Protein backbone atom coordinates (compact mmCIF):
# COMPACT_ATOMS: atom_id res chain seq x y z
CA MET A 1 -130.06 -89.33 77.17
CA LYS A 2 -133.47 -87.84 76.52
CA LYS A 3 -136.67 -89.58 77.45
CA ARG A 4 -138.16 -91.92 74.84
CA TYR A 5 -141.93 -92.02 74.58
CA ASP A 6 -143.52 -95.45 74.43
CA LYS A 7 -147.05 -94.34 73.52
CA PRO A 8 -148.49 -91.67 71.22
CA MET A 9 -148.93 -88.23 72.71
CA THR A 10 -151.92 -85.94 72.30
CA PRO A 11 -151.43 -82.62 70.52
CA ALA A 12 -151.80 -80.86 73.89
CA GLN A 13 -149.03 -83.00 75.41
CA ILE A 14 -146.76 -82.28 72.47
CA ALA A 15 -147.45 -78.53 72.67
CA ALA A 16 -146.61 -78.59 76.39
CA LEU A 17 -143.16 -80.12 75.82
CA LYS A 18 -140.15 -77.91 76.44
CA ASP A 19 -137.64 -77.78 73.59
CA ASP A 20 -134.99 -79.49 75.73
CA ASP A 21 -137.32 -82.47 76.30
CA ILE A 22 -137.77 -83.26 72.60
CA ASP A 23 -135.72 -86.19 71.28
CA PHE A 24 -134.32 -85.32 67.85
CA SER A 25 -131.87 -88.25 67.74
CA ASP A 26 -133.70 -90.01 64.89
CA ILE A 27 -133.56 -86.96 62.60
CA PRO A 28 -130.39 -86.71 60.49
CA PRO A 29 -128.73 -83.31 60.42
CA LEU A 30 -129.36 -81.13 57.39
CA ASP A 31 -126.16 -80.72 55.44
CA GLU A 32 -125.20 -79.32 52.03
CA ASN A 33 -126.38 -82.51 50.28
CA PHE A 34 -129.91 -81.97 51.55
CA TRP A 35 -130.08 -78.53 49.94
CA LYS A 36 -128.18 -79.45 46.76
CA ASN A 37 -131.23 -80.77 44.93
CA SER A 38 -133.90 -78.67 46.62
CA ARG A 39 -136.06 -76.32 44.61
CA VAL A 40 -138.98 -74.00 45.15
CA ILE A 41 -142.11 -75.15 43.36
CA TRP A 42 -144.38 -72.29 42.41
CA PRO A 43 -147.93 -72.85 41.18
CA SER A 44 -147.83 -73.39 37.44
CA ARG A 45 -151.32 -72.14 36.76
CA PRO A 46 -153.44 -69.30 38.07
CA LYS A 47 -155.84 -69.97 40.91
CA LYS A 48 -159.57 -69.53 40.52
CA GLN A 49 -161.53 -67.92 43.32
CA LEU A 50 -164.73 -69.65 44.36
CA THR A 51 -167.10 -70.04 47.27
CA MET A 52 -167.23 -73.52 48.74
CA ARG A 53 -169.03 -75.07 51.70
CA LEU A 54 -166.88 -77.42 53.77
CA ASP A 55 -167.43 -79.20 57.07
CA ALA A 56 -166.43 -76.90 59.93
CA ASP A 57 -164.11 -79.47 61.54
CA ILE A 58 -162.18 -79.85 58.28
CA VAL A 59 -161.66 -76.10 57.94
CA ASP A 60 -160.77 -75.75 61.64
CA TRP A 61 -158.17 -78.52 61.35
CA PHE A 62 -156.50 -76.99 58.30
CA LYS A 63 -156.54 -73.54 59.94
CA SER A 64 -154.99 -74.99 63.10
CA GLN A 65 -151.97 -76.00 61.01
CA GLY A 66 -151.11 -72.32 60.56
CA LYS A 67 -150.67 -69.84 57.76
CA GLY A 68 -151.17 -71.21 54.27
CA TYR A 69 -154.07 -73.49 55.13
CA GLN A 70 -155.85 -72.77 51.83
CA THR A 71 -152.72 -73.72 49.90
CA ARG A 72 -152.53 -76.99 51.86
CA MET A 73 -156.20 -77.69 51.13
CA ASN A 74 -155.46 -77.12 47.45
CA ALA A 75 -152.47 -79.49 47.66
CA VAL A 76 -154.68 -82.24 49.15
CA LEU A 77 -157.25 -81.78 46.39
CA ARG A 78 -154.49 -81.76 43.76
CA SER A 79 -153.06 -85.00 45.14
CA PHE A 80 -156.48 -86.66 44.92
CA TYR A 81 -156.99 -85.25 41.42
CA GLU A 82 -153.60 -86.52 40.22
CA ALA A 83 -154.20 -90.00 41.67
CA ARG A 84 -157.68 -90.29 40.13
CA ARG A 85 -156.50 -88.93 36.79
CA LYS A 86 -153.91 -91.72 36.55
CA ILE A 87 -156.59 -94.35 37.29
CA GLU A 88 -159.06 -92.93 34.76
CA ARG A 89 -156.61 -92.97 31.86
């Protein structure tokens, strides 16, 4: 049985883990049912290019998540927009 962790790990500790040391037992296997209802969601409207000033730590964090960081930033803003739009109606 693989080692269970009883306290949160830092990102550095997680990155240092070997694949064989990671406990995946709580993740169900992906089967045909998982993919049956999946779909690709493409942006429904064109993007608008703009220049924006953001805190450096925010940009660094999104960039550290890998390729597509601008799309993820847009998704966070869209989520906030959608939530506020529902409240304001």
